[in-house]
Amino acid sequence: MSLRRLLVSIFYYRNLIQLAQDEYQLIYLAIKDNIYETFFLRKSIEAVVKLNQINLLIVNMEGEEIIKWID
């Protein structure tokens, strides 16, 4: 995943939160576990996620299970 794709995802995530704020209290951005481990653990990406207050849901797609919830 590139930084550009991350920023686009954040843009859509933020718009979704604004549009759905009356209907949903929390919205999570689902991330494949291998993408989380190789991309989202970088210090710069962690800073962007924290700055934008993005809730993450880490998912193992093969096992169809939630690995971690991060608020």
N, C-alpha and C. Protein backbone atom coordinates (compact mmCIF):
# COMPACT_ATOMS: atom_id res chain seq x y z
N MET A 1 0.85 -1.17 0.00
CA MET A 1 0.00 0.00 0.00
C MET A 1 0.89 1.23 0.00
N SER A 2 0.57 2.18 -0.85
CA SER A 2 1.36 3.40 -0.93
C SER A 2 0.78 4.46 0.00
N LEU A 3 1.57 5.47 0.26
CA LEU A 3 1.11 6.58 1.08
C LEU A 3 -0.07 7.27 0.41
N ARG A 4 -0.04 7.34 -0.90
CA ARG A 4 -1.15 7.97 -1.63
C ARG A 4 -2.46 7.21 -1.40
N ARG A 5 -2.40 5.88 -1.49
CA ARG A 5 -3.61 5.07 -1.25
C ARG A 5 -4.09 5.23 0.18
N LEU A 6 -3.16 5.32 1.13
CA LEU A 6 -3.53 5.54 2.52
C LEU A 6 -4.26 6.86 2.68
N LEU A 7 -3.73 7.91 2.08
CA LEU A 7 -4.36 9.22 2.20
C LEU A 7 -5.74 9.24 1.56
N VAL A 8 -5.89 8.58 0.44
CA VAL A 8 -7.21 8.48 -0.20
C VAL A 8 -8.17 7.72 0.71
N SER A 9 -7.70 6.64 1.33
CA SER A 9 -8.54 5.87 2.25
C SER A 9 -8.96 6.73 3.44
N ILE A 10 -8.03 7.50 3.96
CA ILE A 10 -8.34 8.39 5.08
C ILE A 10 -9.39 9.42 4.67
N PHE A 11 -9.26 9.96 3.46
CA PHE A 11 -10.22 10.94 2.95
C PHE A 11 -11.63 10.33 2.94
N TYR A 12 -11.76 9.14 2.36
CA TYR A 12 -13.07 8.47 2.31
C TYR A 12 -13.56 8.10 3.70
N TYR A 13 -12.66 7.66 4.56
CA TYR A 13 -13.00 7.30 5.93
C TYR A 13 -13.56 8.50 6.67
N ARG A 14 -12.89 9.64 6.55
CA ARG A 14 -13.35 10.87 7.20
C ARG A 14 -14.72 11.30 6.68
N ASN A 15 -14.93 11.23 5.38
CA ASN A 15 -16.23 11.59 4.81
C ASN A 15 -17.33 10.66 5.30
N LEU A 16 -17.03 9.38 5.37
CA LEU A 16 -18.00 8.41 5.86
C LEU A 16 -18.38 8.71 7.31
N ILE A 17 -17.40 9.03 8.11
CA ILE A 17 -17.68 9.36 9.51
C ILE A 17 -18.59 10.58 9.60
N GLN A 18 -18.30 11.61 8.83
CA GLN A 18 -19.13 12.82 8.86
C GLN A 18 -20.55 12.53 8.41
N LEU A 19 -20.70 11.74 7.36
CA LEU A 19 -22.04 11.44 6.84
C LEU A 19 -22.84 10.51 7.75
N ALA A 20 -22.16 9.64 8.45
CA ALA A 20 -22.84 8.62 9.24
C ALA A 20 -22.80 8.88 10.75
N GLN A 21 -22.35 10.05 11.16
CA GLN A 21 -22.13 10.28 12.59
C GLN A 21 -23.39 10.14 13.44
N ASP A 22 -24.56 10.42 12.87
CA ASP A 22 -25.79 10.25 13.64
C ASP A 22 -26.21 8.79 13.74
N GLU A 23 -25.82 8.00 12.75
CA GLU A 23 -26.26 6.61 12.69
C GLU A 23 -25.28 5.66 13.41
N TYR A 24 -23.98 5.95 13.34
CA TYR A 24 -22.97 5.08 13.92
C TYR A 24 -22.11 5.85 14.91
N GLN A 25 -21.78 5.20 16.02
CA GLN A 25 -20.92 5.85 17.01
C GLN A 25 -19.45 5.65 16.68
N LEU A 26 -19.09 4.47 16.22
CA LEU A 26 -17.71 4.16 15.87
C LEU A 26 -17.65 3.51 14.50
N ILE A 27 -16.68 3.93 13.72
CA ILE A 27 -16.44 3.32 12.41
C ILE A 27 -14.98 2.89 12.38
N TYR A 28 -14.74 1.67 11.92
CA TYR A 28 -13.38 1.14 11.84
C TYR A 28 -12.98 0.94 10.39
N LEU A 29 -11.71 1.18 10.11
CA LEU A 29 -11.13 0.92 8.80
C LEU A 29 -10.51 -0.47 8.85
N ALA A 30 -11.05 -1.42 8.07
CA ALA A 30 -10.55 -2.79 8.08
C ALA A 30 -9.28 -2.90 7.25
N ILE A 31 -8.28 -3.56 7.82
CA ILE A 31 -6.97 -3.72 7.20
C ILE A 31 -6.57 -5.19 7.27
N LYS A 32 -6.09 -5.73 6.16
CA LYS A 32 -5.56 -7.10 6.19
C LYS A 32 -4.36 -7.15 7.13
N ASP A 33 -4.20 -8.24 7.84
CA ASP A 33 -3.13 -8.36 8.82
C ASP A 33 -1.74 -8.20 8.22
N ASN A 34 -1.52 -8.74 7.02
CA ASN A 34 -0.18 -8.60 6.42
C ASN A 34 0.10 -7.16 5.99
N ILE A 35 -0.92 -6.42 5.58
CA ILE A 35 -0.75 -5.00 5.24
C ILE A 35 -0.46 -4.20 6.51
N TYR A 36 -1.16 -4.53 7.58
CA TYR A 36 -0.92 -3.86 8.86
C TYR A 36 0.53 -4.06 9.30
N GLU A 37 1.00 -5.29 9.23
CA GLU A 37 2.35 -5.61 9.70
C GLU A 37 3.45 -5.00 8.83
N THR A 38 3.22 -4.90 7.53
CA THR A 38 4.27 -4.40 6.64
C THR A 38 4.18 -2.90 6.37
N PHE A 39 3.02 -2.30 6.62
CA PHE A 39 2.84 -0.89 6.26
C PHE A 39 2.43 -0.03 7.45
N PHE A 40 1.41 -0.44 8.18
CA PHE A 40 0.83 0.41 9.21
C PHE A 40 1.67 0.49 10.48
N LEU A 41 2.68 -0.35 10.63
CA LEU A 41 3.55 -0.27 11.81
C LEU A 41 4.72 0.69 11.61
N ARG A 42 4.83 1.28 10.44
CA ARG A 42 5.85 2.31 10.22
C ARG A 42 5.51 3.53 11.07
N LYS A 43 6.53 4.15 11.64
CA LYS A 43 6.33 5.29 12.53
C LYS A 43 5.55 6.40 11.85
N SER A 44 5.85 6.70 10.59
CA SER A 44 5.16 7.78 9.88
C SER A 44 3.68 7.46 9.68
N ILE A 45 3.38 6.22 9.36
CA ILE A 45 1.99 5.81 9.15
C ILE A 45 1.24 5.77 10.48
N GLU A 46 1.90 5.29 11.53
CA GLU A 46 1.29 5.31 12.85
C GLU A 46 0.93 6.74 13.25
N ALA A 47 1.80 7.69 12.92
CA ALA A 47 1.55 9.09 13.25
C ALA A 47 0.33 9.62 12.48
N VAL A 48 0.22 9.27 11.21
CA VAL A 48 -0.92 9.71 10.39
C VAL A 48 -2.22 9.12 10.93
N VAL A 49 -2.20 7.86 11.29
CA VAL A 49 -3.38 7.19 11.84
C VAL A 49 -3.79 7.85 13.15
N LYS A 50 -2.83 8.11 14.00
CA LYS A 50 -3.12 8.73 15.30
C LYS A 50 -3.61 10.17 15.12
N LEU A 51 -2.96 10.92 14.27
CA LEU A 51 -3.35 12.32 14.01
C LEU A 51 -4.78 12.41 13.51
N ASN A 52 -5.18 11.47 12.66
CA ASN A 52 -6.52 11.49 12.08
C ASN A 52 -7.54 10.67 12.88
N GLN A 53 -7.11 10.17 14.03
CA GLN A 53 -7.97 9.41 14.93
C GLN A 53 -8.73 8.29 14.20
N ILE A 54 -7.97 7.47 13.50
CA ILE A 54 -8.55 6.39 12.72
C ILE A 54 -8.59 5.11 13.56
N ASN A 55 -9.77 4.54 13.66
CA ASN A 55 -9.93 3.26 14.33
C ASN A 55 -9.66 2.16 13.32
N LEU A 56 -8.82 1.20 13.70
CA LEU A 56 -8.44 0.13 12.78
C LEU A 56 -8.98 -1.21 13.25
N LEU A 57 -9.34 -2.03 12.28
CA LEU A 57 -9.77 -3.39 12.52
C LEU A 57 -8.83 -4.28 11.71
N ILE A 58 -7.99 -5.04 12.38
CA ILE A 58 -7.01 -5.88 11.71
C ILE A 58 -7.63 -7.26 11.50
N VAL A 59 -7.63 -7.72 10.23
CA VAL A 59 -8.36 -8.93 9.87
C VAL A 59 -7.44 -9.93 9.18
N ASN A 60 -7.57 -11.21 9.57
CA ASN A 60 -6.92 -12.31 8.86
C ASN A 60 -7.94 -12.79 7.84
N MET A 61 -7.71 -12.49 6.57
CA MET A 61 -8.68 -12.80 5.53
C MET A 61 -8.78 -14.30 5.26
N GLU A 62 -7.66 -15.01 5.32
CA GLU A 62 -7.68 -16.45 5.06
C GLU A 62 -8.48 -17.18 6.15
N GLY A 63 -8.24 -16.81 7.39
CA GLY A 63 -8.94 -17.46 8.50
C GLY A 63 -10.27 -16.82 8.82
N GLU A 64 -10.59 -15.72 8.12
CA GLU A 64 -11.84 -14.99 8.33
C GLU A 64 -12.05 -14.66 9.81
N GLU A 65 -11.01 -14.06 10.42
CA GLU A 65 -11.12 -13.71 11.83
C GLU A 65 -10.52 -12.33 12.08
N ILE A 66 -11.08 -11.67 13.09
CA ILE A 66 -10.57 -10.38 13.54
C ILE A 66 -9.38 -10.64 14.45
N ILE A 67 -8.26 -10.01 14.13
CA ILE A 67 -7.04 -10.19 14.92
C ILE A 67 -6.95 -9.15 16.04
N LYS A 68 -7.30 -7.90 15.69
CA LYS A 68 -7.12 -6.83 16.65
C LYS A 68 -8.03 -5.65 16.33
N TRP A 69 -8.56 -5.03 17.37
CA TRP A 69 -9.31 -3.77 17.27
C TRP A 69 -8.40 -2.68 17.83
N ILE A 70 -8.22 -1.59 17.11
CA ILE A 70 -7.37 -0.49 17.58
C ILE A 70 -8.16 0.81 17.52
N ASP A 71 -8.41 1.42 18.70
CA ASP A 71 -9.09 2.72 18.72
C ASP A 71 -8.12 3.80 19.14
